[in-house]
Protein backbone atom coordinates (compact mmCIF):
# COMPACT_ATOMS: atom_id res chain seq x y z
CA MET A 1 111.90 125.02 166.34
CA LYS A 2 114.69 123.14 168.07
CA ASN A 3 113.61 119.89 166.43
CA ARG A 4 113.50 121.65 163.07
CA HIS A 5 117.12 122.82 163.46
CA ILE A 6 118.19 119.32 164.48
CA LEU A 7 116.44 117.85 161.43
CA LEU A 8 118.01 120.45 159.12
CA GLY A 9 121.45 119.77 160.61
CA SER A 10 120.98 116.06 160.08
CA VAL A 11 120.05 116.59 156.43
CA VAL A 12 123.10 118.78 155.82
CA ALA A 13 125.37 116.29 157.54
CA ALA A 14 123.92 113.45 155.51
CA SER A 15 124.46 115.41 152.30
CA LEU A 16 128.08 116.13 153.19
CA ILE A 17 128.73 112.50 154.05
CA SER A 18 127.09 111.42 150.80
CA GLY A 19 129.21 113.90 148.82
CA ILE A 20 132.43 112.82 150.48
CA ALA A 21 131.57 109.19 149.85
CA ALA A 22 130.91 109.95 146.18
CA LEU A 23 134.23 111.79 145.84
CA THR A 24 136.06 108.95 147.54
CA THR A 25 134.43 106.40 145.22
CA THR A 26 135.23 108.50 142.15
CA SER A 27 138.86 108.95 143.21
CA ALA A 28 139.25 105.28 143.95
CA GLY A 29 137.78 104.38 140.56
CA ALA A 30 139.73 106.97 138.58
CA GLN A 31 142.05 105.44 135.96
CA THR A 32 145.35 106.50 134.53
CA ILE A 33 146.31 105.96 130.92
CA VAL A 34 148.36 102.99 132.07
CA ASP A 35 145.19 101.41 133.51
CA GLU A 36 143.43 102.02 130.20
CA TRP A 37 146.35 100.80 128.09
CA ASN A 38 144.75 97.58 126.86
CA THR A 39 141.43 99.22 125.99
CA ALA A 40 142.75 102.28 124.14
CA LYS A 41 141.79 102.38 120.47
CA PHE A 42 144.31 102.99 117.72
CA PRO A 43 143.61 106.08 115.62
CA PRO A 44 143.26 105.68 111.85
CA PRO A 45 146.61 105.65 110.02
CA PRO A 46 147.91 108.95 108.65
CA GLN A 47 147.78 109.50 104.92
CA LEU A 48 150.97 109.04 102.94
CA LYS A 49 151.55 111.65 100.25
CA SER A 50 153.94 111.98 97.33
CA ALA A 51 156.84 114.34 97.97
CA LYS A 52 158.33 116.50 95.23
CA ILE A 53 161.87 117.44 96.21
CA ASP A 54 163.83 120.50 95.12
CA ALA A 55 167.29 118.97 95.32
CA LYS A 56 169.13 122.27 95.70
CA GLU A 57 167.09 123.20 98.76
CA THR A 58 166.92 119.78 100.42
CA ALA A 59 169.08 117.89 102.91
CA LEU A 60 168.76 114.18 103.58
CA LEU A 61 169.62 113.15 107.14
CA ALA A 62 170.58 109.47 107.37
CA MET A 63 170.69 108.88 111.09
CA ASP A 64 172.44 106.20 113.11
CA PHE A 65 172.74 103.42 110.54
CA THR A 66 175.75 101.87 112.25
CA THR A 67 176.83 98.29 112.72
CA GLN A 68 176.07 98.69 116.43
CA THR A 69 172.45 99.73 115.95
CA CYS A 70 171.30 98.31 112.60
CA ASN A 71 171.80 94.59 112.18
CA VAL A 72 169.70 91.45 112.01
CA GLN A 73 170.46 90.47 115.61
CA ARG A 74 169.95 93.85 117.27
CA ARG A 75 167.27 95.44 115.08
CA PRO A 76 166.03 93.31 112.18
CA ARG A 77 163.49 95.92 111.11
CA CYS A 78 166.37 98.30 110.46
CA ALA A 79 168.35 95.71 108.53
CA THR A 80 165.31 95.10 106.34
CA SER A 81 165.01 98.81 105.56
CA VAL A 82 168.61 99.22 104.36
CA PRO A 83 168.12 98.40 100.62
CA LYS A 84 165.38 101.03 100.33
CA VAL A 85 167.42 103.58 102.26
CA GLU A 86 170.42 102.85 100.05
CA LYS A 87 168.32 103.61 96.97
CA LEU A 88 167.01 106.82 98.53
CA ILE A 89 170.52 108.03 99.36
CA THR A 90 171.92 107.05 95.95
CA ASP A 91 169.13 108.84 94.09
CA ALA A 92 169.30 111.90 96.32
CA ARG A 93 173.07 112.18 95.98
CA ALA A 94 172.83 111.87 92.20
CA LYS A 95 170.34 114.75 92.13
CA GLY A 96 172.58 116.98 94.23
CA VAL A 97 170.78 116.69 97.56
CA LEU A 98 172.94 117.51 100.58
CA VAL A 99 173.44 114.21 102.46
CA ILE A 100 174.32 114.32 106.15
CA TYR A 101 174.90 111.33 108.39
CA SER A 102 174.92 110.77 112.13
CA ILE A 103 176.22 107.88 114.20
CA ALA A 104 175.09 106.14 117.38
CA GLY A 105 176.16 103.23 119.53
CA THR A 106 178.95 102.56 121.96
CA GLY A 107 182.29 103.23 120.32
CA ALA A 108 180.72 104.23 117.00
CA THR A 109 182.76 106.23 114.51
CA ALA A 110 182.18 107.22 110.89
CA ALA A 111 183.69 103.86 109.94
CA SER A 112 180.81 102.16 111.80
CA ILE A 113 178.24 103.30 109.23
CA LEU A 114 176.91 100.35 107.24
CA LYS A 115 178.98 99.71 104.13
CA GLU A 116 175.86 99.84 101.94
CA LEU A 117 175.30 103.42 103.14
CA THR A 118 178.90 104.61 103.22
CA PRO A 119 179.19 108.42 103.07
CA ALA A 120 180.69 109.89 99.94
CA ALA A 121 183.85 111.96 100.20
CA GLY A 122 183.15 115.30 101.87
CA GLU A 123 179.75 114.37 103.31
CA THR A 124 179.25 115.41 106.93
CA VAL A 125 179.04 112.78 109.66
CA LEU A 126 177.66 114.09 112.94
CA PRO A 127 178.97 112.46 116.13
CA ALA A 128 176.77 110.57 118.59
CA LEU A 129 174.55 113.42 119.76
CA GLY A 130 171.46 111.75 121.13
CA PRO A 131 167.98 111.81 119.60
CA ASP A 132 167.85 115.47 118.51
CA LYS A 133 170.66 116.10 116.04
CA PHE A 134 170.27 119.86 116.35
CA ILE A 135 171.38 119.83 119.99
CA GLY A 136 175.13 120.09 120.44
CA SER A 137 175.85 120.53 116.74
CA ASP A 138 176.02 123.20 114.03
CA LEU A 139 173.35 121.41 112.02
CA GLU A 140 170.91 124.33 111.92
CA LYS A 141 173.62 126.77 110.85
CA THR A 142 174.91 124.36 108.21
CA LEU A 143 171.46 123.92 106.73
CA LYS A 144 170.65 127.61 106.68
CA ASP A 145 174.07 128.59 105.31
CA LYS A 146 173.48 126.24 102.39
CA GLY A 147 169.99 127.55 101.70
CA ILE A 148 168.25 124.37 102.79
CA LYS A 149 164.49 124.67 103.20
CA THR A 150 163.46 121.01 103.34
CA VAL A 151 164.85 118.25 105.53
CA MET A 152 164.25 114.59 104.71
CA THR A 153 164.78 112.20 107.61
CA VAL A 154 165.46 108.47 107.75
CA GLY A 155 167.08 106.50 110.53
CA THR A 156 166.90 104.31 113.55
CA GLN A 157 165.31 104.41 115.98
CA ALA A 158 162.11 106.00 114.77
CA GLN A 159 160.98 107.22 118.20
CA THR A 160 164.36 108.75 118.99
CA SER A 161 166.41 110.19 116.14
CA VAL A 162 163.67 110.43 113.52
CA LEU A 163 160.93 111.76 115.80
CA HIS A 164 163.02 114.30 117.67
CA THR A 165 165.10 115.53 114.75
CA ALA A 166 162.15 115.77 112.37
CA ALA A 167 160.08 117.61 114.98
CA ALA A 168 162.98 119.92 115.82
CA ALA A 169 163.43 120.74 112.14
CA ALA A 170 159.73 121.51 111.76
CA LEU A 171 159.77 123.78 114.81
CA ARG A 172 162.73 125.63 113.29
CA GLY A 173 160.73 126.40 110.18
CA PHE A 174 162.02 123.71 107.82
CA LYS A 175 159.67 121.64 105.71
CA VAL A 176 160.15 117.99 106.66
CA VAL A 177 159.72 114.86 104.56
CA VAL A 178 159.63 111.54 106.39
CA PRO A 179 159.61 108.33 104.34
CA VAL A 180 158.06 105.92 106.84
CA ASP A 181 159.77 102.91 105.27
CA GLY A 182 163.13 104.54 105.97
CA MET A 183 162.65 104.69 109.74
CA SER A 184 162.85 101.67 112.01
CA SER A 185 162.65 100.52 115.60
CA ASP A 186 162.76 97.29 117.56
CA ASP A 187 159.10 96.62 116.68
CA ALA A 188 156.20 98.25 114.87
CA PHE A 189 154.62 100.30 117.65
CA PRO A 190 157.36 102.96 118.01
CA GLU A 191 157.27 103.47 114.25
CA LEU A 192 153.49 103.78 114.36
CA TYR A 193 153.68 106.26 117.23
CA THR A 194 156.33 108.33 115.45
CA ALA A 195 154.22 108.59 112.31
CA TRP A 196 151.12 109.51 114.33
CA HIS A 197 152.95 112.14 116.38
CA LEU A 198 154.51 113.85 113.36
CA ALA A 199 151.16 113.81 111.54
CA THR A 200 149.11 115.27 114.40
CA ALA A 201 151.26 117.43 116.71
CA SER A 202 150.50 121.14 116.71
CA ARG A 203 153.05 123.34 114.90
CA ILE A 204 154.77 120.20 113.62
CA SER A 205 152.22 118.44 111.45
CA ASP A 206 151.75 121.46 109.17
CA GLN A 207 155.43 121.23 108.23
CA VAL A 208 155.64 117.45 107.82
CA THR A 209 154.89 115.23 104.84
CA LEU A 210 154.72 111.50 105.54
CA THR A 211 155.57 109.48 102.46
CA LYS A 212 157.29 106.32 101.16
CA ILE A 213 160.65 106.11 99.49
CA ASP A 214 159.13 105.23 96.12
CA MET A 215 156.83 108.26 96.42
CA VAL A 216 159.76 110.70 96.60
CA GLY A 217 160.42 112.47 93.33
CA TYR A 218 162.74 115.21 92.01
């Protein structure tokens, strides 16, 4: 009987040691997303859809297109987007869309906005507020007071101003239209991520339409 207890104790001890060893091996081999970075697979691209705009119920937010942030030296992808954004703003303004600007960059003022995108008389220019233009401003009140139901967002950078402001608008109940060729970053990945996030995030994606500038109609 004594030998049987000793044998049983040895088996239990061996099992515990084996289990601890397995846990240790698993923990040591566990990977973080940073470890898996180079093997992660890109998801398929989101679908771009045409966007039919009701001008009287739409605001266009043109964010942070200043000489400090949008130029060939600092952010060439932004500089390349300017002609398309200029057309979008010109067409929207002509249709009666509410156009609102914001600025960014050290020392930026309303005068820092690119001359091609100069605000018209009376158009609002929000100060440098950070990535979410609703925080620290009366933007939500302004939009609701004017009966705005849809917010269209363009700007730089994609992963800051466009992502956070578009998402914030969606979470506040606005429909959101994001022309992907009107948002820019230092390189392609942040733009890709922004599009993917807005197209897939819960409670946001249902409110967001990803499109192109030439797919926006009135």
